[in-house]
Amino acid sequence: PDDDADEIAALLEATEALVNGIDDAQAWEDLSVRQQLRAQ
């Protein structure tokens, strides 16, 4: 945590981008009922 603080900070920044990207990806529940049925 002392010697590699910059690397840890960079990894946390990358992880935050990962989490945000997952949140933005289209999940099944994001679709309306008709969109879900049309997809099936």
PDB file of all heavy atoms in Angstrom:
ATOM      1  N   PRO A   1       0.802  -1.231   0.000  1.00  0.00           N
ATOM      2  CA  PRO A   1       0.000   0.000   0.000  1.00  0.00           C
ATOM      3  C   PRO A   1       0.836   1.283   0.000  1.00  0.00           C
ATOM      4  O   PRO A   1       0.351   2.335  -0.426  1.00  0.00           O
ATOM      5  CB  PRO A   1      -0.828  -0.121   1.280  1.00  0.00           C
ATOM      6  CG  PRO A   1      -0.115  -1.101   2.126  1.00  0.00           C
ATOM      7  CD  PRO A   1       0.534  -2.054   1.187  1.00  0.00           C
ATOM      8  N   ASP A   2       2.107   1.210   0.457  1.00  0.00           N
ATOM      9  CA  ASP A   2       2.989   2.382   0.437  1.00  0.00           C
ATOM     10  C   ASP A   2       3.794   2.442  -0.854  1.00  0.00           C
ATOM     11  O   ASP A   2       3.729   3.407  -1.613  1.00  0.00           O
ATOM     12  CB  ASP A   2       3.930   2.357   1.640  1.00  0.00           C
ATOM     13  CG  ASP A   2       3.172   2.546   2.949  1.00  0.00           C
ATOM     14  OD1 ASP A   2       2.172   3.281   2.947  1.00  0.00           O
ATOM     15  OD2 ASP A   2       3.586   1.945   3.956  1.00  0.00           O
ATOM     16  N   ASP A   3       4.522   1.363  -1.127  1.00  0.00           N
ATOM     17  CA  ASP A   3       5.430   1.367  -2.267  1.00  0.00           C
ATOM     18  C   ASP A   3       4.696   1.324  -3.604  1.00  0.00           C
ATOM     19  O   ASP A   3       5.203   1.824  -4.614  1.00  0.00           O
ATOM     20  CB  ASP A   3       6.386   0.175  -2.181  1.00  0.00           C
ATOM     21  CG  ASP A   3       7.264   0.243  -0.932  1.00  0.00           C
ATOM     22  OD1 ASP A   3       7.442   1.356  -0.406  1.00  0.00           O
ATOM     23  OD2 ASP A   3       7.745  -0.818  -0.487  1.00  0.00           O
ATOM     24  N   ASP A   4       3.510   0.688  -3.628  1.00  0.00           N
ATOM     25  CA  ASP A   4       2.789   0.498  -4.892  1.00  0.00           C
ATOM     26  C   ASP A   4       1.456   1.240  -4.890  1.00  0.00           C
ATOM     27  O   ASP A   4       0.485   0.802  -5.510  1.00  0.00           O
ATOM     28  CB  ASP A   4       2.538  -1.002  -5.126  1.00  0.00           C
ATOM     29  CG  ASP A   4       3.818  -1.805  -5.133  1.00  0.00           C
ATOM     30  OD1 ASP A   4       4.742  -1.410  -5.858  1.00  0.00           O
ATOM     31  OD2 ASP A   4       3.890  -2.815  -4.402  1.00  0.00           O
ATOM     32  N   ALA A   5       1.427   2.368  -4.207  1.00  0.00           N
ATOM     33  CA  ALA A   5       0.174   3.123  -4.092  1.00  0.00           C
ATOM     34  C   ALA A   5      -0.348   3.554  -5.456  1.00  0.00           C
ATOM     35  O   ALA A   5      -1.567   3.517  -5.719  1.00  0.00           O
ATOM     36  CB  ALA A   5       0.366   4.333  -3.190  1.00  0.00           C
ATOM     37  N   ASP A   6       0.556   3.973  -6.350  1.00  0.00           N
ATOM     38  CA  ASP A   6       0.122   4.427  -7.674  1.00  0.00           C
ATOM     39  C   ASP A   6      -0.499   3.282  -8.472  1.00  0.00           C
ATOM     40  O   ASP A   6      -1.512   3.464  -9.164  1.00  0.00           O
ATOM     41  CB  ASP A   6       1.299   5.019  -8.446  1.00  0.00           C
ATOM     42  CG  ASP A   6       1.792   6.336  -7.851  1.00  0.00           C
ATOM     43  OD1 ASP A   6       1.014   6.949  -7.076  1.00  0.00           O
ATOM     44  OD2 ASP A   6       2.922   6.743  -8.156  1.00  0.00           O
ATOM     45  N   GLU A   7       0.118   2.101  -8.397  1.00  0.00           N
ATOM     46  CA  GLU A   7      -0.402   0.953  -9.131  1.00  0.00           C
ATOM     47  C   GLU A   7      -1.781   0.547  -8.608  1.00  0.00           C
ATOM     48  O   GLU A   7      -2.706   0.240  -9.376  1.00  0.00           O
ATOM     49  CB  GLU A   7       0.552  -0.242  -9.004  1.00  0.00           C
ATOM     50  CG  GLU A   7       1.823  -0.107  -9.807  1.00  0.00           C
ATOM     51  CD  GLU A   7       2.867   0.775  -9.139  1.00  0.00           C
ATOM     52  OE1 GLU A   7       2.583   1.316  -8.049  1.00  0.00           O
ATOM     53  OE2 GLU A   7       3.970   0.932  -9.707  1.00  0.00           O
ATOM     54  N   ILE A   8      -1.933   0.561  -7.268  1.00  0.00           N
ATOM     55  CA  ILE A   8      -3.224   0.209  -6.688  1.00  0.00           C
ATOM     56  C   ILE A   8      -4.290   1.213  -7.099  1.00  0.00           C
ATOM     57  O   ILE A   8      -5.424   0.848  -7.454  1.00  0.00           O
ATOM     58  CB  ILE A   8      -3.110   0.127  -5.144  1.00  0.00           C
ATOM     59  CG1 ILE A   8      -2.199  -1.024  -4.734  1.00  0.00           C
ATOM     60  CG2 ILE A   8      -4.491  -0.046  -4.516  1.00  0.00           C
ATOM     61  CD1 ILE A   8      -1.900  -1.072  -3.247  1.00  0.00           C
ATOM     62  N   ALA A   9      -3.927   2.495  -7.089  1.00  0.00           N
ATOM     63  CA  ALA A   9      -4.875   3.528  -7.493  1.00  0.00           C
ATOM     64  C   ALA A   9      -5.301   3.342  -8.950  1.00  0.00           C
ATOM     65  O   ALA A   9      -6.480   3.498  -9.311  1.00  0.00           O
ATOM     66  CB  ALA A   9      -4.272   4.911  -7.284  1.00  0.00           C
ATOM     67  N   ALA A  10      -4.338   2.997  -9.817  1.00  0.00           N
ATOM     68  CA  ALA A  10      -4.650   2.783 -11.228  1.00  0.00           C
ATOM     69  C   ALA A  10      -5.569   1.576 -11.409  1.00  0.00           C
ATOM     70  O   ALA A  10      -6.501   1.596 -12.228  1.00  0.00           O
ATOM     71  CB  ALA A  10      -3.361   2.593 -12.026  1.00  0.00           C
ATOM     72  N   LEU A  11      -5.325   0.528 -10.627  1.00  0.00           N
ATOM     73  CA  LEU A  11      -6.176  -0.657 -10.714  1.00  0.00           C
ATOM     74  C   LEU A  11      -7.592  -0.360 -10.233  1.00  0.00           C
ATOM     75  O   LEU A  11      -8.572  -0.843 -10.803  1.00  0.00           O
ATOM     76  CB  LEU A  11      -5.569  -1.799  -9.900  1.00  0.00           C
ATOM     77  CG  LEU A  11      -4.309  -2.445 -10.488  1.00  0.00           C
ATOM     78  CD1 LEU A  11      -3.695  -3.407  -9.486  1.00  0.00           C
ATOM     79  CD2 LEU A  11      -4.638  -3.165 -11.797  1.00  0.00           C
ATOM     80  N   LEU A  12      -7.694   0.446  -9.168  1.00  0.00           N
ATOM     81  CA  LEU A  12      -9.021   0.817  -8.680  1.00  0.00           C
ATOM     82  C   LEU A  12      -9.766   1.662  -9.708  1.00  0.00           C
ATOM     83  O   LEU A  12     -10.986   1.524  -9.876  1.00  0.00           O
ATOM     84  CB  LEU A  12      -8.905   1.573  -7.353  1.00  0.00           C
ATOM     85  CG  LEU A  12      -8.637   0.718  -6.118  1.00  0.00           C
ATOM     86  CD1 LEU A  12      -8.381   1.602  -4.910  1.00  0.00           C
ATOM     87  CD2 LEU A  12      -9.809  -0.228  -5.846  1.00  0.00           C
ATOM     88  N   GLU A  13      -9.033   2.508 -10.413  1.00  0.00           N
ATOM     89  CA  GLU A  13      -9.655   3.315 -11.461  1.00  0.00           C
ATOM     90  C   GLU A  13     -10.166   2.408 -12.589  1.00  0.00           C
ATOM     91  O   GLU A  13     -11.271   2.604 -13.109  1.00  0.00           O
ATOM     92  CB  GLU A  13      -8.650   4.322 -12.000  1.00  0.00           C
ATOM     93  CG  GLU A  13      -9.233   5.273 -13.044  1.00  0.00           C
ATOM     94  CD  GLU A  13      -8.219   6.303 -13.505  1.00  0.00           C
ATOM     95  OE1 GLU A  13      -7.169   6.449 -12.848  1.00  0.00           O
ATOM     96  OE2 GLU A  13      -8.486   6.964 -14.525  1.00  0.00           O
ATOM     97  N   ALA A  14      -9.361   1.414 -12.953  1.00  0.00           N
ATOM     98  CA  ALA A  14      -9.779   0.468 -13.991  1.00  0.00           C
ATOM     99  C   ALA A  14     -10.977  -0.354 -13.536  1.00  0.00           C
ATOM    100  O   ALA A  14     -11.899  -0.630 -14.311  1.00  0.00           O
ATOM    101  CB  ALA A  14      -8.612  -0.454 -14.349  1.00  0.00           C
ATOM    102  N   THR A  15     -10.976  -0.725 -12.258  1.00  0.00           N
ATOM    103  CA  THR A  15     -12.086  -1.508 -11.717  1.00  0.00           C
ATOM    104  C   THR A  15     -13.371  -0.686 -11.681  1.00  0.00           C
ATOM    105  O   THR A  15     -14.459  -1.202 -11.945  1.00  0.00           O
ATOM    106  CB  THR A  15     -11.740  -2.011 -10.303  1.00  0.00           C
ATOM    107  OG1 THR A  15     -10.490  -2.680 -10.328  1.00  0.00           O
ATOM    108  CG2 THR A  15     -12.810  -2.958  -9.797  1.00  0.00           C
ATOM    109  N   GLU A  16     -13.245   0.600 -11.355  1.00  0.00           N
ATOM    110  CA  GLU A  16     -14.415   1.472 -11.362  1.00  0.00           C
ATOM    111  C   GLU A  16     -15.010   1.563 -12.765  1.00  0.00           C
ATOM    112  O   GLU A  16     -16.232   1.522 -12.943  1.00  0.00           O
ATOM    113  CB  GLU A  16     -14.037   2.862 -10.862  1.00  0.00           C
ATOM    114  CG  GLU A  16     -15.216   3.820 -10.783  1.00  0.00           C
ATOM    115  CD  GLU A  16     -14.824   5.194 -10.267  1.00  0.00           C
ATOM    116  OE1 GLU A  16     -13.634   5.404  -9.978  1.00  0.00           O
ATOM    117  OE2 GLU A  16     -15.712   6.070 -10.165  1.00  0.00           O
ATOM    118  N   ALA A  17     -14.142   1.653 -13.771  1.00  0.00           N
ATOM    119  CA  ALA A  17     -14.621   1.681 -15.156  1.00  0.00           C
ATOM    120  C   ALA A  17     -15.297   0.364 -15.513  1.00  0.00           C
ATOM    121  O   ALA A  17     -16.312   0.339 -16.235  1.00  0.00           O
ATOM    122  CB  ALA A  17     -13.458   1.958 -16.100  1.00  0.00           C
ATOM    123  N   LEU A  18     -14.759  -0.751 -15.003  1.00  0.00           N
ATOM    124  CA  LEU A  18     -15.368  -2.061 -15.233  1.00  0.00           C
ATOM    125  C   LEU A  18     -16.779  -2.107 -14.657  1.00  0.00           C
ATOM    126  O   LEU A  18     -17.729  -2.528 -15.335  1.00  0.00           O
ATOM    127  CB  LEU A  18     -14.500  -3.149 -14.604  1.00  0.00           C
ATOM    128  CG  LEU A  18     -15.099  -4.555 -14.528  1.00  0.00           C
ATOM    129  CD1 LEU A  18     -15.222  -5.155 -15.922  1.00  0.00           C
ATOM    130  CD2 LEU A  18     -14.245  -5.457 -13.631  1.00  0.00           C
ATOM    131  N   VAL A  19     -16.915  -1.678 -13.413  1.00  0.00           N
ATOM    132  CA  VAL A  19     -18.229  -1.693 -12.746  1.00  0.00           C
ATOM    133  C   VAL A  19     -19.223  -0.804 -13.482  1.00  0.00           C
ATOM    134  O   VAL A  19     -20.383  -1.190 -13.705  1.00  0.00           O
ATOM    135  CB  VAL A  19     -18.081  -1.256 -11.276  1.00  0.00           C
ATOM    136  CG1 VAL A  19     -19.444  -1.064 -10.633  1.00  0.00           C
ATOM    137  CG2 VAL A  19     -17.258  -2.271 -10.493  1.00  0.00           C
ATOM    138  N   ASN A  20     -18.778   0.379 -13.878  1.00  0.00           N
ATOM    139  CA  ASN A  20     -19.669   1.285 -14.606  1.00  0.00           C
ATOM    140  C   ASN A  20     -20.087   0.688 -15.949  1.00  0.00           C
ATOM    141  O   ASN A  20     -21.238   0.838 -16.376  1.00  0.00           O
ATOM    142  CB  ASN A  20     -18.985   2.637 -14.820  1.00  0.00           C
ATOM    143  CG  ASN A  20     -18.804   3.416 -13.531  1.00  0.00           C
ATOM    144  OD1 ASN A  20     -19.537   3.201 -12.567  1.00  0.00           O
ATOM    145  ND2 ASN A  20     -17.839   4.312 -13.496  1.00  0.00           N
ATOM    146  N   GLY A  21     -19.151   0.021 -16.614  1.00  0.00           N
ATOM    147  CA  GLY A  21     -19.472  -0.602 -17.892  1.00  0.00           C
ATOM    148  C   GLY A  21     -20.487  -1.720 -17.742  1.00  0.00           C
ATOM    149  O   GLY A  21     -21.383  -1.887 -18.587  1.00  0.00           O
ATOM    150  N   ILE A  22     -20.353  -2.486 -16.673  1.00  0.00           N
ATOM    151  CA  ILE A  22     -21.325  -3.558 -16.408  1.00  0.00           C
ATOM    152  C   ILE A  22     -22.701  -2.956 -16.134  1.00  0.00           C
ATOM    153  O   ILE A  22     -23.725  -3.452 -16.625  1.00  0.00           O
ATOM    154  CB  ILE A  22     -20.855  -4.422 -15.222  1.00  0.00           C
ATOM    155  CG1 ILE A  22     -19.584  -5.178 -15.600  1.00  0.00           C
ATOM    156  CG2 ILE A  22     -21.942  -5.390 -14.787  1.00  0.00           C
ATOM    157  CD1 ILE A  22     -18.928  -5.908 -14.448  1.00  0.00           C
ATOM    158  N   ASP A  23     -22.732  -1.877 -15.372  1.00  0.00           N
ATOM    159  CA  ASP A  23     -24.010  -1.220 -15.082  1.00  0.00           C
ATOM    160  C   ASP A  23     -24.681  -0.717 -16.353  1.00  0.00           C
ATOM    161  O   ASP A  23     -25.916  -0.719 -16.459  1.00  0.00           O
ATOM    162  CB  ASP A  23     -23.794  -0.048 -14.116  1.00  0.00           C
ATOM    163  CG  ASP A  23     -23.456  -0.510 -12.710  1.00  0.00           C
ATOM    164  OD1 ASP A  23     -23.730  -1.681 -12.394  1.00  0.00           O
ATOM    165  OD2 ASP A  23     -22.899   0.295 -11.935  1.00  0.00           O
ATOM    166  N   ASP A  24     -23.875  -0.280 -17.318  1.00  0.00           N
ATOM    167  CA  ASP A  24     -24.426   0.287 -18.542  1.00  0.00           C
ATOM    168  C   ASP A  24     -24.822  -0.771 -19.571  1.00  0.00           C
ATOM    169  O   ASP A  24     -25.582  -0.477 -20.502  1.00  0.00           O
ATOM    170  CB  ASP A  24     -23.407   1.236 -19.186  1.00  0.00           C
ATOM    171  CG  ASP A  24     -23.181   2.498 -18.356  1.00  0.00           C
ATOM    172  OD1 ASP A  24     -24.055   2.825 -17.533  1.00  0.00           O
ATOM    173  OD2 ASP A  24     -22.119   3.143 -18.525  1.00  0.00           O
ATOM    174  N   ALA A  25     -24.313  -1.998 -19.452  1.00  0.00           N
ATOM    175  CA  ALA A  25     -24.628  -3.047 -20.418  1.00  0.00           C
ATOM    176  C   ALA A  25     -26.107  -3.412 -20.330  1.00  0.00           C
ATOM    177  O   ALA A  25     -26.719  -3.348 -19.258  1.00  0.00           O
ATOM    178  CB  ALA A  25     -23.758  -4.277 -20.165  1.00  0.00           C
ATOM    179  N   GLN A  26     -26.665  -3.819 -21.451  1.00  0.00           N
ATOM    180  CA  GLN A  26     -28.114  -4.070 -21.524  1.00  0.00           C
ATOM    181  C   GLN A  26     -28.468  -5.410 -20.868  1.00  0.00           C
ATOM    182  O   GLN A  26     -28.107  -6.478 -21.349  1.00  0.00           O
ATOM    183  CB  GLN A  26     -28.587  -4.066 -22.969  1.00  0.00           C
ATOM    184  CG  GLN A  26     -30.105  -4.111 -23.105  1.00  0.00           C
ATOM    185  CD  GLN A  26     -30.542  -4.126 -24.561  1.00  0.00           C
ATOM    186  OE1 GLN A  26     -30.300  -5.080 -25.287  1.00  0.00           O
ATOM    187  NE2 GLN A  26     -31.187  -3.050 -24.996  1.00  0.00           N
ATOM    188  N   ALA A  27     -29.184  -5.330 -19.762  1.00  0.00           N
ATOM    189  CA  ALA A  27     -29.666  -6.524 -19.072  1.00  0.00           C
ATOM    190  C   ALA A  27     -31.079  -6.850 -19.557  1.00  0.00           C
ATOM    191  O   ALA A  27     -31.788  -6.006 -20.099  1.00  0.00           O
ATOM    192  CB  ALA A  27     -29.667  -6.305 -17.561  1.00  0.00           C
ATOM    193  N   TRP A  28     -31.476  -8.100 -19.342  1.00  0.00           N
ATOM    194  CA  TRP A  28     -32.802  -8.538 -19.787  1.00  0.00           C
ATOM    195  C   TRP A  28     -33.899  -7.694 -19.160  1.00  0.00           C
ATOM    196  O   TRP A  28     -34.888  -7.324 -19.815  1.00  0.00           O
ATOM    197  CB  TRP A  28     -32.982 -10.014 -19.430  1.00  0.00           C
ATOM    198  CG  TRP A  28     -34.241 -10.614 -19.971  1.00  0.00           C
ATOM    199  CD1 TRP A  28     -35.381 -10.902 -19.298  1.00  0.00           C
ATOM    200  CD2 TRP A  28     -34.482 -10.986 -21.327  1.00  0.00           C
ATOM    201  NE1 TRP A  28     -36.312 -11.433 -20.145  1.00  0.00           N
ATOM    202  CE2 TRP A  28     -35.778 -11.494 -21.400  1.00  0.00           C
ATOM    203  CE3 TRP A  28     -33.711 -10.930 -22.491  1.00  0.00           C
ATOM    204  CZ2 TRP A  28     -36.341 -11.961 -22.578  1.00  0.00           C
ATOM    205  CZ3 TRP A  28     -34.271 -11.398 -23.668  1.00  0.00           C
ATOM    206  CH2 TRP A  28     -35.574 -11.899 -23.714  1.00  0.00           C
ATOM    207  N   GLU A  29     -33.732  -7.342 -17.905  1.00  0.00           N
ATOM    208  CA  GLU A  29     -34.759  -6.581 -17.198  1.00  0.00           C
ATOM    209  C   GLU A  29     -34.860  -5.146 -17.712  1.00  0.00           C
ATOM    210  O   GLU A  29     -35.833  -4.449 -17.400  1.00  0.00           O
ATOM    211  CB  GLU A  29     -34.478  -6.572 -15.702  1.00  0.00           C
ATOM    212  CG  GLU A  29     -33.196  -5.877 -15.306  1.00  0.00           C
ATOM    213  CD  GLU A  29     -32.935  -5.912 -13.820  1.00  0.00           C
ATOM    214  OE1 GLU A  29     -33.579  -6.699 -13.110  1.00  0.00           O
ATOM    215  OE2 GLU A  29     -32.082  -5.136 -13.367  1.00  0.00           O
ATOM    216  N   ASP A  30     -33.893  -4.702 -18.506  1.00  0.00           N
ATOM    217  CA  ASP A  30     -33.968  -3.360 -19.088  1.00  0.00           C
ATOM    218  C   ASP A  30     -34.977  -3.298 -20.228  1.00  0.00           C
ATOM    219  O   ASP A  30     -35.396  -2.205 -20.624  1.00  0.00           O
ATOM    220  CB  ASP A  30     -32.600  -2.921 -19.616  1.00  0.00           C
ATOM    221  CG  ASP A  30     -31.561  -2.771 -18.511  1.00  0.00           C
ATOM    222  OD1 ASP A  30     -31.977  -2.494 -17.370  1.00  0.00           O
ATOM    223  OD2 ASP A  30     -30.362  -2.936 -18.789  1.00  0.00           O
ATOM    224  N   LEU A  31     -35.342  -4.467 -20.776  1.00  0.00           N
ATOM    225  CA  LEU A  31     -36.270  -4.505 -21.902  1.00  0.00           C
ATOM    226  C   LEU A  31     -37.711  -4.414 -21.415  1.00  0.00           C
ATOM    227  O   LEU A  31     -38.047  -4.884 -20.325  1.00  0.00           O
ATOM    228  CB  LEU A  31     -36.099  -5.802 -22.693  1.00  0.00           C
ATOM    229  CG  LEU A  31     -34.723  -6.086 -23.290  1.00  0.00           C
ATOM    230  CD1 LEU A  31     -34.754  -7.409 -24.042  1.00  0.00           C
ATOM    231  CD2 LEU A  31     -34.262  -4.960 -24.189  1.00  0.00           C
ATOM    232  N   SER A  32     -38.563  -3.852 -22.241  1.00  0.00           N
ATOM    233  CA  SER A  32     -39.998  -3.877 -21.947  1.00  0.00           C
ATOM    234  C   SER A  32     -40.506  -5.295 -22.159  1.00  0.00           C
ATOM    235  O   SER A  32     -39.822  -6.146 -22.738  1.00  0.00           O
ATOM    236  CB  SER A  32     -40.749  -2.918 -22.878  1.00  0.00           C
ATOM    237  OG  SER A  32     -40.704  -3.394 -24.215  1.00  0.00           O
ATOM    238  N   VAL A  33     -41.720  -5.577 -21.696  1.00  0.00           N
ATOM    239  CA  VAL A  33     -42.297  -6.910 -21.858  1.00  0.00           C
ATOM    240  C   VAL A  33     -42.363  -7.289 -23.330  1.00  0.00           C
ATOM    241  O   VAL A  33     -42.004  -8.406 -23.728  1.00  0.00           O
ATOM    242  CB  VAL A  33     -43.700  -6.968 -21.219  1.00  0.00           C
ATOM    243  CG1 VAL A  33     -44.405  -8.270 -21.588  1.00  0.00           C
ATOM    244  CG2 VAL A  33     -43.599  -6.847 -19.712  1.00  0.00           C
ATOM    245  N   ARG A  34     -42.805  -6.362 -24.159  1.00  0.00           N
ATOM    246  CA  ARG A  34     -42.906  -6.671 -25.592  1.00  0.00           C
ATOM    247  C   ARG A  34     -41.531  -6.929 -26.204  1.00  0.00           C
ATOM    248  O   ARG A  34     -41.362  -7.806 -27.051  1.00  0.00           O
ATOM    249  CB  ARG A  34     -43.609  -5.530 -26.329  1.00  0.00           C
ATOM    250  CG  ARG A  34     -45.126  -5.572 -26.152  1.00  0.00           C
ATOM    251  CD  ARG A  34     -45.837  -4.595 -27.058  1.00  0.00           C
ATOM    252  NE  ARG A  34     -47.275  -4.736 -26.936  1.00  0.00           N
ATOM    253  CZ  ARG A  34     -48.164  -3.968 -27.560  1.00  0.00           C
ATOM    254  NH1 ARG A  34     -47.729  -2.976 -28.338  1.00  0.00           N
ATOM    255  NH2 ARG A  34     -49.462  -4.161 -27.411  1.00  0.00           N
ATOM    256  N   GLN A  35     -40.534  -6.172 -25.771  1.00  0.00           N
ATOM    257  CA  GLN A  35     -39.179  -6.396 -26.275  1.00  0.00           C
ATOM    258  C   GLN A  35     -38.662  -7.773 -25.856  1.00  0.00           C
ATOM    259  O   GLN A  35     -38.010  -8.470 -26.635  1.00  0.00           O
ATOM    260  CB  GLN A  35     -38.241  -5.307 -25.757  1.00  0.00           C
ATOM    261  CG  GLN A  35     -38.459  -3.945 -26.402  1.00  0.00           C
ATOM    262  CD  GLN A  35     -37.624  -2.853 -25.747  1.00  0.00           C
ATOM    263  OE1 GLN A  35     -37.399  -2.866 -24.538  1.00  0.00           O
ATOM    264  NE2 GLN A  35     -37.155  -1.900 -26.539  1.00  0.00           N
ATOM    265  N   GLN A  36     -38.960  -8.174 -24.630  1.00  0.00           N
ATOM    266  CA  GLN A  36     -38.548  -9.493 -24.163  1.00  0.00           C
ATOM    267  C   GLN A  36     -39.215 -10.592 -24.981  1.00  0.00           C
ATOM    268  O   GLN A  36     -38.567 -11.554 -25.418  1.00  0.00           O
ATOM    269  CB  GLN A  36     -38.899  -9.656 -22.682  1.00  0.00           C
ATOM    270  CG  GLN A  36     -38.073  -8.807 -21.742  1.00  0.00           C
ATOM    271  CD  GLN A  36     -38.509  -8.955 -20.291  1.00  0.00           C
ATOM    272  OE1 GLN A  36     -39.447  -9.705 -19.985  1.00  0.00           O
ATOM    273  NE2 GLN A  36     -37.855  -8.250 -19.398  1.00  0.00           N
ATOM    274  N   LEU A  37     -40.518 -10.457 -25.214  1.00  0.00           N
ATOM    275  CA  LEU A  37     -41.241 -11.474 -25.968  1.00  0.00           C
ATOM    276  C   LEU A  37     -40.801 -11.497 -27.427  1.00  0.00           C
ATOM    277  O   LEU A  37     -40.678 -12.555 -28.037  1.00  0.00           O
ATOM    278  CB  LEU A  37     -42.752 -11.211 -25.876  1.00  0.00           C
ATOM    279  CG  LEU A  37     -43.364 -11.465 -24.497  1.00  0.00           C
ATOM    280  CD1 LEU A  37     -44.796 -10.991 -24.459  1.00  0.00           C
ATOM    281  CD2 LEU A  37     -43.301 -12.943 -24.152  1.00  0.00           C
ATOM    282  N   ARG A  38     -40.555 -10.321 -27.970  1.00  0.00           N
ATOM    283  CA  ARG A  38     -40.086 -10.265 -29.356  1.00  0.00           C
ATOM    284  C   ARG A  38     -38.727 -10.957 -29.482  1.00  0.00           C
ATOM    285  O   ARG A  38     -38.467 -11.681 -30.453  1.00  0.00           O
ATOM    286  CB  ARG A  38     -40.001  -8.809 -29.820  1.00  0.00           C
ATOM    287  CG  ARG A  38     -39.675  -8.656 -31.309  1.00  0.00           C
ATOM    288  CD  ARG A  38     -39.787  -7.213 -31.761  1.00  0.00           C
ATOM    289  NE  ARG A  38     -41.180  -6.769 -31.765  1.00  0.00           N
ATOM    290  CZ  ARG A  38     -41.699  -5.892 -30.915  1.00  0.00           C
ATOM    291  NH1 ARG A  38     -40.930  -5.351 -29.973  1.00  0.00           N
ATOM    292  NH2 ARG A  38     -42.956  -5.535 -30.975  1.00  0.00           N
ATOM    293  N   ALA A  39     -37.874 -10.753 -28.502  1.00  0.00           N
ATOM    294  CA  ALA A  39     -36.545 -11.379 -28.531  1.00  0.00           C
ATOM    295  C   ALA A  39     -36.636 -12.897 -28.444  1.00  0.00           C
ATOM    296  O   ALA A  39     -35.753 -13.613 -28.921  1.00  0.00           O
ATOM    297  CB  ALA A  39     -35.686 -10.845 -27.386  1.00  0.00           C
ATOM    298  N   GLN A  40     -37.706 -13.409 -27.852  1.00  0.00           N
ATOM    299  CA  GLN A  40     -37.884 -14.853 -27.700  1.00  0.00           C
ATOM    300  C   GLN A  40     -38.779 -15.455 -28.779  1.00  0.00           C
ATOM    301  O   GLN A  40     -39.149 -16.629 -28.708  1.00  0.00           O
ATOM    302  CB  GLN A  40     -38.460 -15.154 -26.306  1.00  0.00           C
ATOM    303  CG  GLN A  40     -37.495 -14.769 -25.192  1.00  0.00           C
ATOM    304  CD  GLN A  40     -38.115 -14.905 -23.816  1.00  0.00           C
ATOM    305  OE1 GLN A  40     -38.011 -15.946 -23.175  1.00  0.00           O
ATOM    306  NE2 GLN A  40     -38.766 -13.857 -23.347  1.00  0.00           N
TER     307      GLN A  40
END
